[in-house]
Amino acid sequence: MAYWLDKAYTHLDNGLLSEADIEEIEVLAQAYYDALDAVEEAGDPMEEIN
């Protein structure tokens, strides 16, 4: 994800993306990281069964 964020900021610097585009990308990136955290917190359901 960090790679794509860097790429987006480069495109912003080059005038290929707007500030609004960057804001949307940041929201999506945060949602991605939140989902990863939720999966990690949930753990492995098979461990609970065994």
N, C-alpha and C. Protein backbone atom coordinates (compact mmCIF):
# COMPACT_ATOMS: atom_id res chain seq x y z
N MET A 1 0.82 -1.18 0.00
CA MET A 1 0.00 0.00 0.00
C MET A 1 0.87 1.25 0.00
N ALA A 2 1.96 1.21 0.75
CA ALA A 2 2.84 2.38 0.81
C ALA A 2 3.38 2.74 -0.58
N TYR A 3 3.66 1.73 -1.38
CA TYR A 3 4.13 1.98 -2.75
C TYR A 3 3.11 2.79 -3.53
N TRP A 4 1.84 2.41 -3.44
CA TRP A 4 0.80 3.09 -4.20
C TRP A 4 0.55 4.49 -3.66
N LEU A 5 0.68 4.68 -2.36
CA LEU A 5 0.55 6.03 -1.81
C LEU A 5 1.68 6.92 -2.31
N ASP A 6 2.90 6.40 -2.33
CA ASP A 6 4.03 7.18 -2.85
C ASP A 6 3.79 7.55 -4.31
N LYS A 7 3.30 6.59 -5.07
CA LYS A 7 3.01 6.82 -6.49
C LYS A 7 1.94 7.90 -6.65
N ALA A 8 0.92 7.86 -5.81
CA ALA A 8 -0.14 8.86 -5.87
C ALA A 8 0.40 10.26 -5.58
N TYR A 9 1.25 10.36 -4.55
CA TYR A 9 1.82 11.67 -4.22
C TYR A 9 2.73 12.17 -5.34
N THR A 10 3.44 11.27 -6.00
CA THR A 10 4.26 11.66 -7.15
C THR A 10 3.37 12.21 -8.26
N HIS A 11 2.26 11.53 -8.51
CA HIS A 11 1.32 12.01 -9.53
C HIS A 11 0.73 13.36 -9.14
N LEU A 12 0.49 13.57 -7.85
CA LEU A 12 0.00 14.86 -7.39
C LEU A 12 1.05 15.93 -7.69
N ASP A 13 2.31 15.64 -7.36
CA ASP A 13 3.39 16.59 -7.62
C ASP A 13 3.54 16.91 -9.10
N ASN A 14 3.25 15.93 -9.94
CA ASN A 14 3.36 16.12 -11.39
C ASN A 14 2.09 16.67 -12.03
N GLY A 15 1.08 16.95 -11.21
CA GLY A 15 -0.16 17.53 -11.73
C GLY A 15 -1.11 16.53 -12.34
N LEU A 16 -0.87 15.24 -12.13
CA LEU A 16 -1.73 14.22 -12.72
C LEU A 16 -2.92 13.86 -11.82
N LEU A 17 -2.84 14.22 -10.54
CA LEU A 17 -3.94 14.00 -9.60
C LEU A 17 -4.22 15.31 -8.87
N SER A 18 -5.45 15.43 -8.41
CA SER A 18 -5.83 16.63 -7.65
C SER A 18 -5.78 16.32 -6.15
N GLU A 19 -5.91 17.36 -5.34
CA GLU A 19 -5.97 17.17 -3.89
C GLU A 19 -7.15 16.29 -3.51
N ALA A 20 -8.28 16.45 -4.21
CA ALA A 20 -9.47 15.63 -3.93
C ALA A 20 -9.18 14.16 -4.21
N ASP A 21 -8.43 13.88 -5.27
CA ASP A 21 -8.05 12.50 -5.58
C ASP A 21 -7.20 11.92 -4.45
N ILE A 22 -6.26 12.71 -3.97
CA ILE A 22 -5.38 12.26 -2.89
C ILE A 22 -6.18 11.99 -1.63
N GLU A 23 -7.13 12.86 -1.32
CA GLU A 23 -7.96 12.65 -0.13
C GLU A 23 -8.72 11.33 -0.23
N GLU A 24 -9.25 11.04 -1.40
CA GLU A 24 -9.98 9.78 -1.61
C GLU A 24 -9.05 8.59 -1.47
N ILE A 25 -7.86 8.69 -2.02
CA ILE A 25 -6.87 7.61 -1.92
C ILE A 25 -6.49 7.39 -0.46
N GLU A 26 -6.32 8.47 0.30
CA GLU A 26 -5.97 8.34 1.71
C GLU A 26 -7.08 7.66 2.50
N VAL A 27 -8.33 7.97 2.18
CA VAL A 27 -9.47 7.33 2.85
C VAL A 27 -9.47 5.82 2.54
N LEU A 28 -9.24 5.48 1.29
CA LEU A 28 -9.20 4.07 0.91
C LEU A 28 -8.03 3.34 1.57
N ALA A 29 -6.89 4.00 1.64
CA ALA A 29 -5.72 3.39 2.29
C ALA A 29 -6.00 3.16 3.77
N GLN A 30 -6.65 4.12 4.42
CA GLN A 30 -6.96 3.96 5.84
C GLN A 30 -7.94 2.81 6.04
N ALA A 31 -8.91 2.68 5.15
CA ALA A 31 -9.87 1.57 5.24
C ALA A 31 -9.14 0.23 5.08
N TYR A 32 -8.18 0.19 4.18
CA TYR A 32 -7.38 -1.02 3.98
C TYR A 32 -6.64 -1.39 5.26
N TYR A 33 -5.96 -0.41 5.85
CA TYR A 33 -5.21 -0.68 7.08
C TYR A 33 -6.13 -1.04 8.24
N ASP A 34 -7.30 -0.42 8.31
CA ASP A 34 -8.27 -0.77 9.35
C ASP A 34 -8.74 -2.21 9.19
N ALA A 35 -8.96 -2.63 7.94
CA ALA A 35 -9.39 -4.01 7.68
C ALA A 35 -8.29 -5.00 8.07
N LEU A 36 -7.04 -4.67 7.76
CA LEU A 36 -5.94 -5.55 8.17
C LEU A 36 -5.87 -5.68 9.69
N ASP A 37 -6.05 -4.56 10.38
CA ASP A 37 -6.04 -4.59 11.85
C ASP A 37 -7.18 -5.45 12.39
N ALA A 38 -8.36 -5.34 11.79
CA ALA A 38 -9.52 -6.11 12.24
C ALA A 38 -9.29 -7.60 12.06
N VAL A 39 -8.71 -7.97 10.93
CA VAL A 39 -8.42 -9.39 10.68
C VAL A 39 -7.39 -9.89 11.69
N GLU A 40 -6.38 -9.08 11.95
CA GLU A 40 -5.35 -9.49 12.91
C GLU A 40 -5.93 -9.64 14.31
N GLU A 41 -6.80 -8.72 14.71
CA GLU A 41 -7.43 -8.79 16.03
C GLU A 41 -8.35 -10.00 16.15
N ALA A 42 -9.02 -10.36 15.06
CA ALA A 42 -9.96 -11.47 15.10
C ALA A 42 -9.24 -12.80 15.31
N GLY A 43 -8.02 -12.87 14.82
CA GLY A 43 -7.26 -14.11 14.98
C GLY A 43 -7.75 -15.22 14.05
N ASP A 44 -7.25 -16.39 14.31
CA ASP A 44 -7.58 -17.56 13.50
C ASP A 44 -8.78 -18.27 14.10
N PRO A 45 -9.91 -18.33 13.39
CA PRO A 45 -11.09 -18.98 13.95
C PRO A 45 -10.88 -20.46 14.22
N MET A 46 -9.98 -21.11 13.50
CA MET A 46 -9.72 -22.52 13.72
C MET A 46 -9.05 -22.77 15.07
N GLU A 47 -8.28 -21.81 15.56
CA GLU A 47 -7.65 -21.96 16.88
C GLU A 47 -8.69 -22.03 17.97
N GLU A 48 -9.76 -21.26 17.82
CA GLU A 48 -10.81 -21.24 18.84
C GLU A 48 -11.59 -22.56 18.86
N ILE A 49 -11.72 -23.19 17.71
CA ILE A 49 -12.47 -24.45 17.62
C ILE A 49 -11.67 -25.57 18.28
N ASN A 50 -10.38 -25.59 18.05
CA ASN A 50 -9.53 -26.66 18.57
C ASN A 50 -9.25 -26.33 19.98
